[in-house]
Amino acid sequence: MNFVLDYSSIYIIFDRMNKLPLTTRKQILHLLCEGNSLRSTARITDTSLNTVTKLLLDAGKSCMTFHDAIMESSR
């Protein structure tokens, strides 16, 4: 199975999420990766805590799927 995380697959992944603008989603994930808390990220981006949490869960599931596909194909 060839799994490449390119721009088209990113849009497919984010299409399942609520209609938050792509720039806001990118900012949320960037802030979380930089070590900001969930609450501070929600405050900075003017979104709800539930939105930040759901985005983080969806991104984590996508990363897990990507990791599993890459590790499986490298055997």
Protein backbone atom coordinates (compact mmCIF):
# COMPACT_ATOMS: atom_id res chain seq x y z
CA MET A 1 0.00 0.00 0.00
CA ASN A 2 1.50 3.31 -1.03
CA PHE A 3 0.44 6.07 1.30
CA VAL A 4 1.72 9.54 0.60
CA LEU A 5 0.67 12.47 2.73
CA ASP A 6 0.41 15.21 0.12
CA TYR A 7 -1.83 18.23 -0.21
CA SER A 8 -4.71 16.27 -1.75
CA SER A 9 -4.81 13.77 1.12
CA ILE A 10 -4.56 16.60 3.66
CA TYR A 11 -7.69 18.15 2.17
CA ILE A 12 -9.46 14.77 2.34
CA ILE A 13 -8.49 14.43 6.02
CA PHE A 14 -9.59 17.96 6.86
CA ASP A 15 -12.78 17.63 4.82
CA ARG A 16 -14.25 15.39 7.51
CA MET A 17 -13.76 18.10 10.10
CA ASN A 18 -16.06 21.00 10.71
CA LYS A 19 -15.91 23.96 8.36
CA LEU A 20 -13.15 25.77 10.21
CA PRO A 21 -10.90 27.71 7.80
CA LEU A 22 -7.70 25.92 6.85
CA THR A 23 -5.57 28.75 8.23
CA THR A 24 -7.25 28.44 11.64
CA ARG A 25 -6.79 24.66 11.68
CA LYS A 26 -3.11 25.08 10.79
CA GLN A 27 -2.70 27.70 13.52
CA ILE A 28 -4.35 25.46 16.12
CA LEU A 29 -2.11 22.49 15.29
CA HIS A 30 0.96 24.73 15.20
CA LEU A 31 0.18 26.19 18.62
CA LEU A 32 -0.35 22.73 20.10
CA CYS A 33 2.92 21.47 18.62
CA GLU A 34 4.70 24.47 20.12
CA GLY A 35 3.52 23.39 23.57
CA ASN A 36 0.53 25.63 24.20
CA SER A 37 -2.24 24.17 26.33
CA LEU A 38 -5.65 23.33 24.90
CA ARG A 39 -7.28 26.24 26.71
CA SER A 40 -4.68 28.80 25.65
CA THR A 41 -4.90 27.59 22.06
CA ALA A 42 -8.68 27.98 22.14
CA ARG A 43 -8.30 31.47 23.58
CA ILE A 44 -5.65 32.57 21.05
CA THR A 45 -7.58 31.28 18.04
CA ASP A 46 -10.99 32.36 19.35
CA THR A 47 -12.43 28.85 19.05
CA SER A 48 -14.09 26.59 21.59
CA LEU A 49 -12.16 24.08 23.66
CA ASN A 50 -14.25 21.29 22.09
CA THR A 51 -13.20 22.40 18.60
CA VAL A 52 -9.51 22.33 19.53
CA THR A 53 -9.90 18.91 21.16
CA LYS A 54 -11.75 17.42 18.19
CA LEU A 55 -9.19 18.79 15.74
CA LEU A 56 -6.37 17.32 17.82
CA LEU A 57 -8.09 13.92 17.93
CA ASP A 58 -8.72 13.92 14.17
CA ALA A 59 -5.14 14.95 13.43
CA GLY A 60 -3.86 12.25 15.77
CA LYS A 61 -5.95 9.58 14.07
CA SER A 62 -4.69 10.72 10.68
CA CYS A 63 -1.09 10.64 11.87
CA MET A 64 -1.60 7.17 13.32
CA THR A 65 -3.03 5.91 10.03
CA PHE A 66 -0.15 7.46 8.12
CA HIS A 67 2.43 5.97 10.52
CA ASP A 68 0.88 2.51 10.36
CA ALA A 69 0.80 2.59 6.55
CA ILE A 70 4.44 3.71 6.30
CA MET A 71 5.73 1.22 8.85
CA GLU A 72 3.78 -1.61 7.25
CA SER A 73 5.10 -0.83 3.77
CA SER A 74 8.71 -0.61 4.96
CA ARG A 75 8.83 -4.27 6.06
